[in-house]
Amino acid sequence: MQSKDILIVDDAENNLILLSDLLSEFEYNIRVAHNGSEALDLVREKAPDLILLDIMMPEMDGFELLEKIKPQIPSVKTIFITAKSNEEDRKRAFELGAADFITKPVNIMQVMDIVKRSFE
């Protein structure tokens, strides 16, 4: 079975390291982007199976990025991982097609469970 491709998009290096180290232990193919522009380039190279996406990033936030990706890859599963926890942001994430919404600081077991379930 081919390993699943996960794109992690976050402007905080420590979050990228934490999530990529954790998920690579489970034989997922991990790619990281520090901003929306990098993420769009990576999506054009190869469509990911799953995107873990921060909302608050400079230049292009996670909502804007998902709005640009969804027309290219309508079936892509997206999980927002963010410090923003208000109901308005949650609602907007799901309206844009997010599969789930996790607030920071993350619970590693919760992230693993949600990622695993997204591939079932």
PDB file of N, CA and C in Angstrom:
ATOM      1  N   MET A   1       0.833  -1.183   0.000  1.00  0.00           N
ATOM      2  CA  MET A   1       0.000   0.000   0.000  1.00  0.00           C
ATOM      3  C   MET A   1       0.880   1.251   0.000  1.00  0.00           C
ATOM      4  N   GLN A   2       0.550   2.192  -0.838  1.00  0.00           N
ATOM      5  CA  GLN A   2       1.319   3.440  -0.925  1.00  0.00           C
ATOM      6  C   GLN A   2       1.018   4.313   0.283  1.00  0.00           C
ATOM      7  N   SER A   3       2.066   4.956   0.805  1.00  0.00           N
ATOM      8  CA  SER A   3       1.854   5.792   1.990  1.00  0.00           C
ATOM      9  C   SER A   3       1.084   7.056   1.607  1.00  0.00           C
ATOM     10  N   LYS A   4       0.295   7.536   2.535  1.00  0.00           N
ATOM     11  CA  LYS A   4      -0.525   8.725   2.322  1.00  0.00           C
ATOM     12  C   LYS A   4       0.349   9.970   2.392  1.00  0.00           C
ATOM     13  N   ASP A   5       0.012  10.947   1.571  1.00  0.00           N
ATOM     14  CA  ASP A   5       0.753  12.200   1.492  1.00  0.00           C
ATOM     15  C   ASP A   5       0.042  13.268   2.319  1.00  0.00           C
ATOM     16  N   ILE A   6       0.755  13.811   3.318  1.00  0.00           N
ATOM     17  CA  ILE A   6       0.204  14.843   4.183  1.00  0.00           C
ATOM     18  C   ILE A   6       1.005  16.129   4.005  1.00  0.00           C
ATOM     19  N   LEU A   7       0.300  17.218   3.763  1.00  0.00           N
ATOM     20  CA  LEU A   7       0.917  18.538   3.667  1.00  0.00           C
ATOM     21  C   LEU A   7       0.579  19.298   4.943  1.00  0.00           C
ATOM     22  N   ILE A   8       1.617  19.743   5.650  1.00  0.00           N
ATOM     23  CA  ILE A   8       1.440  20.529   6.870  1.00  0.00           C
ATOM     24  C   ILE A   8       1.798  21.977   6.543  1.00  0.00           C
ATOM     25  N   VAL A   9       0.878  22.893   6.813  1.00  0.00           N
ATOM     26  CA  VAL A   9       1.085  24.308   6.494  1.00  0.00           C
ATOM     27  C   VAL A   9       0.967  25.124   7.783  1.00  0.00           C
ATOM     28  N   ASP A  10       2.082  25.709   8.190  1.00  0.00           N
ATOM     29  CA  ASP A  10       2.108  26.503   9.427  1.00  0.00           C
ATOM     30  C   ASP A  10       3.318  27.426   9.348  1.00  0.00           C
ATOM     31  N   ASP A  11       3.169  28.667   9.788  1.00  0.00           N
ATOM     32  CA  ASP A  11       4.289  29.597   9.761  1.00  0.00           C
ATOM     33  C   ASP A  11       5.198  29.436  10.976  1.00  0.00           C
ATOM     34  N   ALA A  12       4.808  28.628  11.946  1.00  0.00           N
ATOM     35  CA  ALA A  12       5.618  28.403  13.149  1.00  0.00           C
ATOM     36  C   ALA A  12       6.455  27.129  12.967  1.00  0.00           C
ATOM     37  N   GLU A  13       7.756  27.320  12.903  1.00  0.00           N
ATOM     38  CA  GLU A  13       8.677  26.205  12.653  1.00  0.00           C
ATOM     39  C   GLU A  13       8.520  25.087  13.682  1.00  0.00           C
ATOM     40  N   ASN A  14       8.344  25.440  14.950  1.00  0.00           N
ATOM     41  CA  ASN A  14       8.228  24.404  15.979  1.00  0.00           C
ATOM     42  C   ASN A  14       6.999  23.525  15.759  1.00  0.00           C
ATOM     43  N   ASN A  15       5.899  24.091  15.262  1.00  0.00           N
ATOM     44  CA  ASN A  15       4.708  23.295  14.964  1.00  0.00           C
ATOM     45  C   ASN A  15       4.959  22.350  13.796  1.00  0.00           C
ATOM     46  N   LEU A  16       5.661  22.846  12.784  1.00  0.00           N
ATOM     47  CA  LEU A  16       5.999  21.997  11.636  1.00  0.00           C
ATOM     48  C   LEU A  16       6.854  20.814  12.068  1.00  0.00           C
ATOM     49  N   ILE A  17       7.850  21.085  12.896  1.00  0.00           N
ATOM     50  CA  ILE A  17       8.745  20.027  13.358  1.00  0.00           C
ATOM     51  C   ILE A  17       7.986  18.996  14.199  1.00  0.00           C
ATOM     52  N   LEU A  18       7.200  19.480  15.147  1.00  0.00           N
ATOM     53  CA  LEU A  18       6.443  18.584  16.015  1.00  0.00           C
ATOM     54  C   LEU A  18       5.533  17.662  15.208  1.00  0.00           C
ATOM     55  N   LEU A  19       4.722  18.245  14.336  1.00  0.00           N
ATOM     56  CA  LEU A  19       3.772  17.448  13.571  1.00  0.00           C
ATOM     57  C   LEU A  19       4.450  16.544  12.554  1.00  0.00           C
ATOM     58  N   SER A  20       5.464  17.044  11.864  1.00  0.00           N
ATOM     59  CA  SER A  20       6.128  16.203  10.864  1.00  0.00           C
ATOM     60  C   SER A  20       6.878  15.046  11.514  1.00  0.00           C
ATOM     61  N   ASP A  21       7.541  15.295  12.638  1.00  0.00           N
ATOM     62  CA  ASP A  21       8.231  14.205  13.350  1.00  0.00           C
ATOM     63  C   ASP A  21       7.233  13.152  13.814  1.00  0.00           C
ATOM     64  N   LEU A  22       6.148  13.597  14.385  1.00  0.00           N
ATOM     65  CA  LEU A  22       5.133  12.675  14.885  1.00  0.00           C
ATOM     66  C   LEU A  22       4.538  11.827  13.760  1.00  0.00           C
ATOM     67  N   LEU A  23       4.110  12.465  12.702  1.00  0.00           N
ATOM     68  CA  LEU A  23       3.410  11.751  11.638  1.00  0.00           C
ATOM     69  C   LEU A  23       4.328  10.899  10.777  1.00  0.00           C
ATOM     70  N   SER A  24       5.582  11.305  10.628  1.00  0.00           N
ATOM     71  CA  SER A  24       6.505  10.503   9.814  1.00  0.00           C
ATOM     72  C   SER A  24       6.805   9.162  10.473  1.00  0.00           C
ATOM     73  N   GLU A  25       6.642   9.063  11.793  1.00  0.00           N
ATOM     74  CA  GLU A  25       6.827   7.786  12.481  1.00  0.00           C
ATOM     75  C   GLU A  25       5.793   6.753  12.042  1.00  0.00           C
ATOM     76  N   PHE A  26       4.699   7.204  11.484  1.00  0.00           N
ATOM     77  CA  PHE A  26       3.628   6.306  11.059  1.00  0.00           C
ATOM     78  C   PHE A  26       3.651   6.090   9.546  1.00  0.00           C
ATOM     79  N   GLU A  27       4.786   6.340   8.954  1.00  0.00           N
ATOM     80  CA  GLU A  27       5.046   6.081   7.539  1.00  0.00           C
ATOM     81  C   GLU A  27       4.168   6.886   6.588  1.00  0.00           C
ATOM     82  N   TYR A  28       3.741   8.050   7.041  1.00  0.00           N
ATOM     83  CA  TYR A  28       3.090   8.972   6.119  1.00  0.00           C
ATOM     84  C   TYR A  28       4.179   9.740   5.396  1.00  0.00           C
ATOM     85  N   ASN A  29       3.923  10.112   4.151  1.00  0.00           N
ATOM     86  CA  ASN A  29       4.833  10.980   3.413  1.00  0.00           C
ATOM     87  C   ASN A  29       4.483  12.416   3.802  1.00  0.00           C
ATOM     88  N   ILE A  30       5.418  13.102   4.439  1.00  0.00           N
ATOM     89  CA  ILE A  30       5.161  14.433   4.980  1.00  0.00           C
ATOM     90  C   ILE A  30       5.866  15.499   4.149  1.00  0.00           C
ATOM     91  N   ARG A  31       5.114  16.521   3.788  1.00  0.00           N
ATOM     92  CA  ARG A  31       5.683  17.716   3.171  1.00  0.00           C
ATOM     93  C   ARG A  31       5.244  18.902   4.012  1.00  0.00           C
ATOM     94  N   VAL A  32       6.093  19.914   4.099  1.00  0.00           N
ATOM     95  CA  VAL A  32       5.769  21.082   4.916  1.00  0.00           C
ATOM     96  C   VAL A  32       5.883  22.361   4.101  1.00  0.00           C
ATOM     97  N   ALA A  33       5.038  23.318   4.475  1.00  0.00           N
ATOM     98  CA  ALA A  33       5.072  24.649   3.871  1.00  0.00           C
ATOM     99  C   ALA A  33       4.964  25.668   4.992  1.00  0.00           C
ATOM    100  N   HIS A  34       5.748  26.733   4.870  1.00  0.00           N
ATOM    101  CA  HIS A  34       5.777  27.781   5.891  1.00  0.00           C
ATOM    102  C   HIS A  34       4.757  28.885   5.645  1.00  0.00           C
ATOM    103  N   ASN A  35       4.121  28.855   4.488  1.00  0.00           N
ATOM    104  CA  ASN A  35       3.130  29.877   4.156  1.00  0.00           C
ATOM    105  C   ASN A  35       2.243  29.389   3.013  1.00  0.00           C
ATOM    106  N   GLY A  36       1.248  30.186   2.684  1.00  0.00           N
ATOM    107  CA  GLY A  36       0.302  29.802   1.646  1.00  0.00           C
ATOM    108  C   GLY A  36       0.916  29.650   0.270  1.00  0.00           C
ATOM    109  N   SER A  37       1.846  30.523  -0.079  1.00  0.00           N
ATOM    110  CA  SER A  37       2.481  30.440  -1.404  1.00  0.00           C
ATOM    111  C   SER A  37       3.252  29.139  -1.569  1.00  0.00           C
ATOM    112  N   GLU A  38       4.031  28.775  -0.539  1.00  0.00           N
ATOM    113  CA  GLU A  38       4.754  27.495  -0.586  1.00  0.00           C
ATOM    114  C   GLU A  38       3.776  26.334  -0.704  1.00  0.00           C
ATOM    115  N   ALA A  39       2.690  26.408   0.042  1.00  0.00           N
ATOM    116  CA  ALA A  39       1.696  25.338   0.016  1.00  0.00           C
ATOM    117  C   ALA A  39       1.093  25.189  -1.378  1.00  0.00           C
ATOM    118  N   LEU A  40       0.758  26.303  -2.021  1.00  0.00           N
ATOM    119  CA  LEU A  40       0.192  26.233  -3.376  1.00  0.00           C
ATOM    120  C   LEU A  40       1.172  25.593  -4.351  1.00  0.00           C
ATOM    121  N   ASP A  41       2.447  25.937  -4.233  1.00  0.00           N
ATOM    122  CA  ASP A  41       3.463  25.322  -5.098  1.00  0.00           C
ATOM    123  C   ASP A  41       3.515  23.812  -4.887  1.00  0.00           C
ATOM    124  N   LEU A  42       3.483  23.385  -3.627  1.00  0.00           N
ATOM    125  CA  LEU A  42       3.539  21.955  -3.326  1.00  0.00           C
ATOM    126  C   LEU A  42       2.285  21.225  -3.806  1.00  0.00           C
ATOM    127  N   VAL A  43       1.151  21.865  -3.696  1.00  0.00           N
ATOM    128  CA  VAL A  43      -0.103  21.267  -4.167  1.00  0.00           C
ATOM    129  C   VAL A  43      -0.070  21.104  -5.681  1.00  0.00           C
ATOM    130  N   ARG A  44       0.517  22.072  -6.379  1.00  0.00           N
ATOM    131  CA  ARG A  44       0.620  21.978  -7.846  1.00  0.00           C
ATOM    132  C   ARG A  44       1.543  20.835  -8.255  1.00  0.00           C
ATOM    133  N   GLU A  45       2.593  20.598  -7.466  1.00  0.00           N
ATOM    134  CA  GLU A  45       3.524  19.496  -7.755  1.00  0.00           C
ATOM    135  C   GLU A  45       2.849  18.144  -7.584  1.00  0.00           C
ATOM    136  N   LYS A  46       2.123  17.996  -6.489  1.00  0.00           N
ATOM    137  CA  LYS A  46       1.452  16.737  -6.185  1.00  0.00           C
ATOM    138  C   LYS A  46       0.317  17.007  -5.213  1.00  0.00           C
ATOM    139  N   ALA A  47      -0.862  16.532  -5.557  1.00  0.00           N
ATOM    140  CA  ALA A  47      -2.019  16.731  -4.684  1.00  0.00           C
ATOM    141  C   ALA A  47      -1.858  15.897  -3.417  1.00  0.00           C
ATOM    142  N   PRO A  48      -1.974  16.517  -2.258  1.00  0.00           N
ATOM    143  CA  PRO A  48      -1.877  15.755  -1.005  1.00  0.00           C
ATOM    144  C   PRO A  48      -3.179  14.997  -0.728  1.00  0.00           C
ATOM    145  N   ASP A  49      -3.086  13.977   0.103  1.00  0.00           N
ATOM    146  CA  ASP A  49      -4.272  13.256   0.555  1.00  0.00           C
ATOM    147  C   ASP A  49      -4.932  13.984   1.717  1.00  0.00           C
ATOM    148  N   LEU A  50      -4.110  14.729   2.477  1.00  0.00           N
ATOM    149  CA  LEU A  50      -4.595  15.426   3.662  1.00  0.00           C
ATOM    150  C   LEU A  50      -3.761  16.688   3.863  1.00  0.00           C
ATOM    151  N   ILE A  51      -4.420  17.757   4.297  1.00  0.00           N
ATOM    152  CA  ILE A  51      -3.720  18.996   4.629  1.00  0.00           C
ATOM    153  C   ILE A  51      -4.005  19.329   6.086  1.00  0.00           C
ATOM    154  N   LEU A  52      -2.949  19.553   6.859  1.00  0.00           N
ATOM    155  CA  LEU A  52      -3.064  20.081   8.222  1.00  0.00           C
ATOM    156  C   LEU A  52      -2.723  21.555   8.097  1.00  0.00           C
ATOM    157  N   LEU A  53      -3.654  22.421   8.453  1.00  0.00           N
ATOM    158  CA  LEU A  53      -3.564  23.821   8.063  1.00  0.00           C
ATOM    159  C   LEU A  53      -3.805  24.772   9.232  1.00  0.00           C
ATOM    160  N   ASP A  54      -2.861  25.683   9.421  1.00  0.00           N
ATOM    161  CA  ASP A  54      -3.019  26.750  10.406  1.00  0.00           C
ATOM    162  C   ASP A  54      -3.878  27.847   9.789  1.00  0.00           C
ATOM    163  N   ILE A  55      -4.611  28.566  10.612  1.00  0.00           N
ATOM    164  CA  ILE A  55      -5.404  29.683  10.097  1.00  0.00           C
ATOM    165  C   ILE A  55      -4.566  30.957  10.042  1.00  0.00           C
ATOM    166  N   MET A  56      -3.910  31.291  11.151  1.00  0.00           N
ATOM    167  CA  MET A  56      -3.212  32.573  11.242  1.00  0.00           C
ATOM    168  C   MET A  56      -1.805  32.480  10.674  1.00  0.00           C
ATOM    169  N   MET A  57      -1.664  32.986   9.442  1.00  0.00           N
ATOM    170  CA  MET A  57      -0.363  33.050   8.782  1.00  0.00           C
ATOM    171  C   MET A  57      -0.273  34.396   8.077  1.00  0.00           C
ATOM    172  N   PRO A  58       0.943  34.912   7.908  1.00  0.00           N
ATOM    173  CA  PRO A  58       1.074  36.187   7.197  1.00  0.00           C
ATOM    174  C   PRO A  58       0.764  36.031   5.710  1.00  0.00           C
ATOM    175  N   GLU A  59       0.419  37.109   5.075  1.00  0.00           N
ATOM    176  CA  GLU A  59       0.141  37.204   3.645  1.00  0.00           C
ATOM    177  C   GLU A  59      -1.155  36.509   3.232  1.00  0.00           C
ATOM    178  N   MET A  60      -1.260  35.205   3.486  1.00  0.00           N
ATOM    179  CA  MET A  60      -2.447  34.449   3.113  1.00  0.00           C
ATOM    180  C   MET A  60      -2.824  33.547   4.289  1.00  0.00           C
ATOM    181  N   ASP A  61      -4.003  33.769   4.858  1.00  0.00           N
ATOM    182  CA  ASP A  61      -4.370  32.919   5.988  1.00  0.00           C
ATOM    183  C   ASP A  61      -4.879  31.556   5.502  1.00  0.00           C
ATOM    184  N   GLY A  62      -5.112  30.673   6.431  1.00  0.00           N
ATOM    185  CA  GLY A  62      -5.521  29.318   6.082  1.00  0.00           C
ATOM    186  C   GLY A  62      -6.854  29.252   5.352  1.00  0.00           C
ATOM    187  N   PHE A  63      -7.776  30.144   5.681  1.00  0.00           N
ATOM    188  CA  PHE A  63      -9.056  30.170   4.983  1.00  0.00           C
ATOM    189  C   PHE A  63      -8.857  30.516   3.507  1.00  0.00           C
ATOM    190  N   GLU A  64      -8.066  31.561   3.246  1.00  0.00           N
ATOM    191  CA  GLU A  64      -7.799  31.969   1.861  1.00  0.00           C
ATOM    192  C   GLU A  64      -7.115  30.839   1.092  1.00  0.00           C
ATOM    193  N   LEU A  65      -6.170  30.182   1.760  1.00  0.00           N
ATOM    194  CA  LEU A  65      -5.451  29.092   1.110  1.00  0.00           C
ATOM    195  C   LEU A  65      -6.401  27.961   0.735  1.00  0.00           C
ATOM    196  N   LEU A  66      -7.258  27.579   1.652  1.00  0.00           N
ATOM    197  CA  LEU A  66      -8.200  26.497   1.349  1.00  0.00           C
ATOM    198  C   LEU A  66      -9.147  26.893   0.216  1.00  0.00           C
ATOM    199  N   GLU A  67      -9.556  28.151   0.182  1.00  0.00           N
ATOM    200  CA  GLU A  67     -10.410  28.622  -0.911  1.00  0.00           C
ATOM    201  C   GLU A  67      -9.724  28.495  -2.265  1.00  0.00           C
ATOM    202  N   LYS A  68      -8.389  28.606  -2.287  1.00  0.00           N
ATOM    203  CA  LYS A  68      -7.644  28.470  -3.539  1.00  0.00           C
ATOM    204  C   LYS A  68      -7.387  27.000  -3.895  1.00  0.00           C
ATOM    205  N   ILE A  69      -7.254  26.158  -2.882  1.00  0.00           N
ATOM    206  CA  ILE A  69      -6.942  24.750  -3.129  1.00  0.00           C
ATOM    207  C   ILE A  69      -8.185  23.941  -3.510  1.00  0.00           C
ATOM    208  N   LYS A  70      -9.296  24.191  -2.855  1.00  0.00           N
ATOM    209  CA  LYS A  70     -10.510  23.385  -3.065  1.00  0.00           C
ATOM    210  C   LYS A  70     -10.949  23.291  -4.528  1.00  0.00           C
ATOM    211  N   PRO A  71     -10.899  24.376  -5.318  1.00  0.00           N
ATOM    212  CA  PRO A  71     -11.287  24.228  -6.729  1.00  0.00           C
ATOM    213  C   PRO A  71     -10.342  23.302  -7.506  1.00  0.00           C
ATOM    214  N   GLN A  72      -9.070  23.262  -7.105  1.00  0.00           N
ATOM    215  CA  GLN A  72      -8.091  22.399  -7.770  1.00  0.00           C
ATOM    216  C   GLN A  72      -8.237  20.945  -7.340  1.00  0.00           C
ATOM    217  N   ILE A  73      -8.514  20.735  -6.049  1.00  0.00           N
ATOM    218  CA  ILE A  73      -8.610  19.385  -5.488  1.00  0.00           C
ATOM    219  C   ILE A  73      -9.843  19.337  -4.584  1.00  0.00           C
ATOM    220  N   PRO A  74     -11.023  19.221  -5.157  1.00  0.00           N
ATOM    221  CA  PRO A  74     -12.250  19.278  -4.358  1.00  0.00           C
ATOM    222  C   PRO A  74     -12.331  18.209  -3.254  1.00  0.00           C
ATOM    223  N   SER A  75     -11.709  17.089  -3.467  1.00  0.00           N
ATOM    224  CA  SER A  75     -11.829  15.985  -2.511  1.00  0.00           C
ATOM    225  C   SER A  75     -10.776  16.008  -1.400  1.00  0.00           C
ATOM    226  N   VAL A  76      -9.868  16.981  -1.418  1.00  0.00           N
ATOM    227  CA  VAL A  76      -8.799  16.984  -0.420  1.00  0.00           C
ATOM    228  C   VAL A  76      -9.379  17.157   0.978  1.00  0.00           C
ATOM    229  N   LYS A  77      -8.898  16.322   1.890  1.00  0.00           N
ATOM    230  CA  LYS A  77      -9.319  16.414   3.284  1.00  0.00           C
ATOM    231  C   LYS A  77      -8.434  17.443   3.971  1.00  0.00           C
ATOM    232  N   THR A  78      -9.060  18.297   4.767  1.00  0.00           N
ATOM    233  CA  THR A  78      -8.325  19.351   5.449  1.00  0.00           C
ATOM    234  C   THR A  78      -8.706  19.382   6.920  1.00  0.00           C
ATOM    235  N   ILE A  79      -7.683  19.459   7.757  1.00  0.00           N
ATOM    236  CA  ILE A  79      -7.872  19.595   9.189  1.00  0.00           C
ATOM    237  C   ILE A  79      -7.197  20.895   9.617  1.00  0.00           C
ATOM    238  N   PHE A  80      -7.971  21.819  10.168  1.00  0.00           N
ATOM    239  CA  PHE A  80      -7.383  23.041  10.691  1.00  0.00           C
ATOM    240  C   PHE A  80      -6.796  22.759  12.066  1.00  0.00           C
ATOM    241  N   ILE A  81      -5.563  23.196  12.281  1.00  0.00           N
ATOM    242  CA  ILE A  81      -4.912  23.130  13.590  1.00  0.00           C
ATOM    243  C   ILE A  81      -4.504  24.557  13.911  1.00  0.00           C
ATOM    244  N   THR A  82      -5.186  25.164  14.883  1.00  0.00           N
ATOM    245  CA  THR A  82      -5.036  26.597  15.066  1.00  0.00           C
ATOM    246  C   THR A  82      -5.244  27.044  16.510  1.00  0.00           C
ATOM    247  N   ALA A  83      -4.695  28.186  16.830  1.00  0.00           N
ATOM    248  CA  ALA A  83      -4.917  28.790  18.144  1.00  0.00           C
ATOM    249  C   ALA A  83      -6.260  29.512  18.198  1.00  0.00           C
ATOM    250  N   LYS A  84      -6.847  29.756  17.043  1.00  0.00           N
ATOM    251  CA  LYS A  84      -8.149  30.431  17.000  1.00  0.00           C
ATOM    252  C   LYS A  84      -9.229  29.419  17.379  1.00  0.00           C
ATOM    253  N   SER A  85     -10.012  29.770  18.361  1.00  0.00           N
ATOM    254  CA  SER A  85     -10.984  28.791  18.830  1.00  0.00           C
ATOM    255  C   SER A  85     -12.412  29.327  18.908  1.00  0.00           C
ATOM    256  N   ASN A  86     -12.648  30.489  18.321  1.00  0.00           N
ATOM    257  CA  ASN A  86     -14.016  31.015  18.426  1.00  0.00           C
ATOM    258  C   ASN A  86     -14.955  30.290  17.453  1.00  0.00           C
ATOM    259  N   GLU A  87     -16.208  30.346  17.768  1.00  0.00           N
ATOM    260  CA  GLU A  87     -17.224  29.605  17.008  1.00  0.00           C
ATOM    261  C   GLU A  87     -17.320  30.082  15.561  1.00  0.00           C
ATOM    262  N   GLU A  88     -17.087  31.359  15.339  1.00  0.00           N
ATOM    263  CA  GLU A  88     -17.147  31.900  13.976  1.00  0.00           C
ATOM    264  C   GLU A  88     -16.079  31.265  13.078  1.00  0.00           C
ATOM    265  N   ASP A  89     -14.868  31.111  13.618  1.00  0.00           N
ATOM    266  CA  ASP A  89     -13.792  30.487  12.838  1.00  0.00           C
ATOM    267  C   ASP A  89     -14.083  29.002  12.584  1.00  0.00           C
ATOM    268  N   ARG A  90     -14.582  28.314  13.596  1.00  0.00           N
ATOM    269  CA  ARG A  90     -14.966  26.903  13.432  1.00  0.00           C
ATOM    270  C   ARG A  90     -16.001  26.766  12.317  1.00  0.00           C
ATOM    271  N   LYS A  91     -17.017  27.620  12.384  1.00  0.00           N
ATOM    272  CA  LYS A  91     -18.100  27.569  11.400  1.00  0.00           C
ATOM    273  C   LYS A  91     -17.552  27.812   9.993  1.00  0.00           C
ATOM    274  N   ARG A  92     -16.708  28.819   9.866  1.00  0.00           N
ATOM    275  CA  ARG A  92     -16.150  29.124   8.534  1.00  0.00           C
ATOM    276  C   ARG A  92     -15.313  27.960   8.017  1.00  0.00           C
ATOM    277  N   ALA A  93     -14.520  27.339   8.899  1.00  0.00           N
ATOM    278  CA  ALA A  93     -13.692  26.198   8.492  1.00  0.00           C
ATOM    279  C   ALA A  93     -14.560  25.082   7.908  1.00  0.00           C
ATOM    280  N   PHE A  94     -15.629  24.751   8.598  1.00  0.00           N
ATOM    281  CA  PHE A  94     -16.493  23.671   8.123  1.00  0.00           C
ATOM    282  C   PHE A  94     -17.265  24.069   6.869  1.00  0.00           C
ATOM    283  N   GLU A  95     -17.631  25.337   6.764  1.00  0.00           N
ATOM    284  CA  GLU A  95     -18.290  25.810   5.542  1.00  0.00           C
ATOM    285  C   GLU A  95     -17.372  25.684   4.330  1.00  0.00           C
ATOM    286  N   LEU A  96     -16.072  25.845   4.559  1.00  0.00           N
ATOM    287  CA  LEU A  96     -15.100  25.717   3.468  1.00  0.00           C
ATOM    288  C   LEU A  96     -14.756  24.259   3.160  1.00  0.00           C
ATOM    289  N   GLY A  97     -15.284  23.349   3.958  1.00  0.00           N
ATOM    290  CA  GLY A  97     -15.074  21.934   3.674  1.00  0.00           C
ATOM    291  C   GLY A  97     -14.077  21.234   4.562  1.00  0.00           C
ATOM    292  N   ALA A  98     -13.677  21.839   5.663  1.00  0.00           N
ATOM    293  CA  ALA A  98     -12.734  21.182   6.572  1.00  0.00           C
ATOM    294  C   ALA A  98     -13.344  19.908   7.134  1.00  0.00           C
ATOM    295  N   ALA A  99     -12.488  18.904   7.327  1.00  0.00           N
ATOM    296  CA  ALA A  99     -12.930  17.640   7.915  1.00  0.00           C
ATOM    297  C   ALA A  99     -12.944  17.720   9.431  1.00  0.00           C
ATOM    298  N   ASP A 100     -12.060  18.559   9.988  1.00  0.00           N
ATOM    299  CA  ASP A 100     -11.995  18.691  11.440  1.00  0.00           C
ATOM    300  C   ASP A 100     -11.300  19.993  11.802  1.00  0.00           C
ATOM    301  N   PHE A 101     -11.330  20.306  13.108  1.00  0.00           N
ATOM    302  CA  PHE A 101     -10.810  21.576  13.620  1.00  0.00           C
ATOM    303  C   PHE A 101     -10.205  21.288  14.989  1.00  0.00           C
ATOM    304  N   ILE A 102      -8.899  21.456  15.118  1.00  0.00           N
ATOM    305  CA  ILE A 102      -8.187  21.176  16.368  1.00  0.00           C
ATOM    306  C   ILE A 102      -7.589  22.481  16.868  1.00  0.00           C
ATOM    307  N   THR A 103      -7.760  22.762  18.161  1.00  0.00           N
ATOM    308  CA  THR A 103      -7.185  23.983  18.713  1.00  0.00           C
ATOM    309  C   THR A 103      -5.831  23.700  19.363  1.00  0.00           C
ATOM    310  N   LYS A 104      -4.955  24.695  19.242  1.00  0.00           N
ATOM    311  CA  LYS A 104      -3.632  24.628  19.862  1.00  0.00           C
ATOM    312  C   LYS A 104      -3.745  25.099  21.294  1.00  0.00           C
ATOM    313  N   PRO A 105      -2.928  24.641  22.198  1.00  0.00           N
ATOM    314  CA  PRO A 105      -1.883  23.648  21.961  1.00  0.00           C
ATOM    315  C   PRO A 105      -2.509  22.283  21.696  1.00  0.00           C
ATOM    316  N   VAL A 106      -1.883  21.547  20.790  1.00  0.00           N
ATOM    317  CA  VAL A 106      -2.465  20.285  20.352  1.00  0.00           C
ATOM    318  C   VAL A 106      -2.212  19.167  21.346  1.00  0.00           C
ATOM    319  N   ASN A 107      -3.148  18.264  21.377  1.00  0.00           N
ATOM    320  CA  ASN A 107      -2.998  17.013  22.089  1.00  0.00           C
ATOM    321  C   ASN A 107      -2.534  16.006  21.032  1.00  0.00           C
ATOM    322  N   ILE A 108      -1.328  15.505  21.176  1.00  0.00           N
ATOM    323  CA  ILE A 108      -0.728  14.637  20.154  1.00  0.00           C
ATOM    324  C   ILE A 108      -1.596  13.417  19.860  1.00  0.00           C
ATOM    325  N   MET A 109      -2.151  12.816  20.883  1.00  0.00           N
ATOM    326  CA  MET A 109      -2.998  11.635  20.675  1.00  0.00           C
ATOM    327  C   MET A 109      -4.255  12.005  19.888  1.00  0.00           C
ATOM    328  N   GLN A 110      -4.807  13.173  20.145  1.00  0.00           N
ATOM    329  CA  GLN A 110      -5.983  13.629  19.414  1.00  0.00           C
ATOM    330  C   GLN A 110      -5.638  13.822  17.932  1.00  0.00           C
ATOM    331  N   VAL A 111      -4.505  14.447  17.665  1.00  0.00           N
ATOM    332  CA  VAL A 111      -4.083  14.661  16.278  1.00  0.00           C
ATOM    333  C   VAL A 111      -3.925  13.318  15.574  1.00  0.00           C
ATOM    334  N   MET A 112      -3.234  12.387  16.209  1.00  0.00           N
ATOM    335  CA  MET A 112      -3.024  11.071  15.589  1.00  0.00           C
ATOM    336  C   MET A 112      -4.351  10.374  15.311  1.00  0.00           C
ATOM    337  N   ASP A 113      -5.265  10.437  16.249  1.00  0.00           N
ATOM    338  CA  ASP A 113      -6.561   9.788  16.082  1.00  0.00           C
ATOM    339  C   ASP A 113      -7.336  10.402  14.919  1.00  0.00           C
ATOM    340  N   ILE A 114      -7.348  11.720  14.846  1.00  0.00           N
ATOM    341  CA  ILE A 114      -8.091  12.395  13.776  1.00  0.00           C
ATOM    342  C   ILE A 114      -7.447  12.125  12.419  1.00  0.00           C
ATOM    343  N   VAL A 115      -6.122  12.149  12.346  1.00  0.00           N
ATOM    344  CA  VAL A 115      -5.444  11.860  11.074  1.00  0.00           C
ATOM    345  C   VAL A 115      -5.740  10.426  10.648  1.00  0.00           C
ATOM    346  N   LYS A 116      -5.622   9.500  11.568  1.00  0.00           N
ATOM    347  CA  LYS A 116      -5.886   8.094  11.241  1.00  0.00           C
ATOM    348  C   LYS A 116      -7.325   7.915  10.751  1.00  0.00           C
ATOM    349  N   ARG A 117      -8.290   8.510  11.449  1.00  0.00           N
ATOM    350  CA  ARG A 117      -9.698   8.395  11.048  1.00  0.00           C
ATOM    351  C   ARG A 117      -9.965   9.026   9.688  1.00  0.00           C
ATOM    352  N   SER A 118      -9.217  10.046   9.341  1.00  0.00           N
ATOM    353  CA  SER A 118      -9.450  10.709   8.062  1.00  0.00           C
ATOM    354  C   SER A 118      -9.092   9.821   6.873  1.00  0.00           C
ATOM    355  N   PHE A 119      -8.268   8.800   7.125  1.00  0.00           N
ATOM    356  CA  PHE A 119      -7.881   7.879   6.051  1.00  0.00           C
ATOM    357  C   PHE A 119      -8.702   6.589   6.027  1.00  0.00           C
ATOM    358  N   GLU A 120      -9.659   6.475   6.917  1.00  0.00           N
ATOM    359  CA  GLU A 120     -10.478   5.247   6.940  1.00  0.00           C
ATOM    360  C   GLU A 120     -11.586   5.309   5.918  1.00  0.00           C
TER     361      GLU A 120
END
